[in-house]
Amino acid sequence: MTAGKCFYIPVDQFDENGYIPSVVTEGEPGHAPLTGNGPHATPWYWGHTYEEARQTAERENLERGITPEDAAEIVLSSFAAS
């Protein structure tokens, strides 16, 4: 993942299995839920609580060199582009 992308957990992106993360691209409207691709694909689940999922997204972003502040800027730029 490049510096212009980050993981994000939409509050309403939850089903009985947990929260599904999305990828947000800087300056592009919307987000891409990680719901899988292909005939046998299944969504990614990053926690049964919002806080657990948010912490996982933060950790994954940090492993890619994206701070919480960087992620917030990327998400805000996506909202602004909408």
Protein backbone atom coordinates (compact mmCIF):
# COMPACT_ATOMS: atom_id res chain seq x y z
CA MET A 1 0.00 0.00 0.00
CA THR A 2 1.38 3.42 -0.90
CA ALA A 3 1.46 6.53 1.30
CA GLY A 4 -1.66 7.78 -0.53
CA LYS A 5 -3.80 4.88 0.72
CA CYS A 6 -4.86 3.71 4.15
CA PHE A 7 -7.10 1.21 5.86
CA TYR A 8 -10.33 2.60 7.31
CA ILE A 9 -13.21 1.10 9.30
CA PRO A 10 -16.61 2.56 8.38
CA VAL A 11 -18.88 2.46 11.43
CA ASP A 12 -21.74 0.98 9.41
CA GLN A 13 -19.68 -1.72 7.67
CA PHE A 14 -20.59 -4.49 10.08
CA ASP A 15 -22.35 -7.81 9.72
CA GLU A 16 -22.85 -10.76 12.06
CA ASN A 17 -19.18 -11.77 11.58
CA GLY A 18 -17.64 -8.40 12.45
CA TYR A 19 -16.34 -5.19 10.91
CA ILE A 20 -15.10 -5.19 7.32
CA PRO A 21 -12.16 -2.84 6.60
CA SER A 22 -11.94 -0.59 3.56
CA VAL A 23 -9.09 0.98 1.64
CA VAL A 24 -9.29 4.74 1.11
CA THR A 25 -7.22 6.45 -1.59
CA GLU A 26 -6.11 10.02 -1.09
CA GLY A 27 -8.14 12.52 -3.10
CA GLU A 28 -10.52 9.88 -4.51
CA PRO A 29 -14.14 9.80 -3.38
CA GLY A 30 -15.42 6.73 -1.57
CA HIS A 31 -13.72 3.64 -0.23
CA ALA A 32 -13.17 0.04 -1.33
CA PRO A 33 -14.51 -2.53 1.17
CA LEU A 34 -12.32 -5.62 1.45
CA THR A 35 -15.13 -8.02 0.69
CA GLY A 36 -13.12 -10.46 -1.40
CA ASN A 37 -12.94 -11.10 -5.10
CA GLY A 38 -13.92 -14.22 -6.98
CA PRO A 39 -16.37 -17.07 -6.62
CA HIS A 40 -15.16 -18.39 -3.25
CA ALA A 41 -13.93 -15.15 -1.72
CA THR A 42 -15.08 -13.97 1.68
CA PRO A 43 -14.77 -10.57 3.36
CA TRP A 44 -11.95 -9.67 5.69
CA TYR A 45 -13.10 -9.24 9.30
CA TRP A 46 -11.06 -7.15 11.70
CA GLY A 47 -13.02 -7.38 14.93
CA HIS A 48 -16.39 -7.87 16.55
CA THR A 49 -16.25 -4.42 18.17
CA TYR A 50 -15.62 -1.13 16.42
CA GLU A 51 -12.70 -0.39 18.75
CA GLU A 52 -11.03 -3.73 17.99
CA ALA A 53 -11.42 -3.17 14.24
CA ARG A 54 -10.17 0.42 14.47
CA GLN A 55 -7.08 -0.69 16.42
CA THR A 56 -6.34 -3.35 13.80
CA ALA A 57 -6.61 -0.76 11.02
CA GLU A 58 -4.32 1.60 12.93
CA ARG A 59 -1.75 -1.17 13.45
CA GLU A 60 -1.87 -2.22 9.78
CA ASN A 61 -1.48 1.40 8.68
CA LEU A 62 1.48 1.91 11.05
CA GLU A 63 3.18 -1.20 9.63
CA ARG A 64 3.01 0.59 6.26
CA GLY A 65 4.41 3.84 7.67
CA ILE A 66 1.05 5.62 7.87
CA THR A 67 0.43 7.38 11.17
CA PRO A 68 -3.07 7.95 12.54
CA GLU A 69 -2.69 11.60 11.51
CA ASP A 70 -1.70 10.58 7.96
CA ALA A 71 -4.70 8.24 7.78
CA ALA A 72 -7.05 10.99 8.97
CA GLU A 73 -5.75 13.32 6.26
CA ILE A 74 -6.21 10.63 3.59
CA VAL A 75 -9.78 9.93 4.74
CA LEU A 76 -10.63 13.65 4.91
CA SER A 77 -9.25 14.17 1.39
CA SER A 78 -11.52 11.37 0.19
CA PHE A 79 -14.56 12.93 1.88
CA ALA A 80 -13.67 16.30 0.35
CA ALA A 81 -13.48 14.71 -3.12
CA SER A 82 -16.99 13.25 -2.76
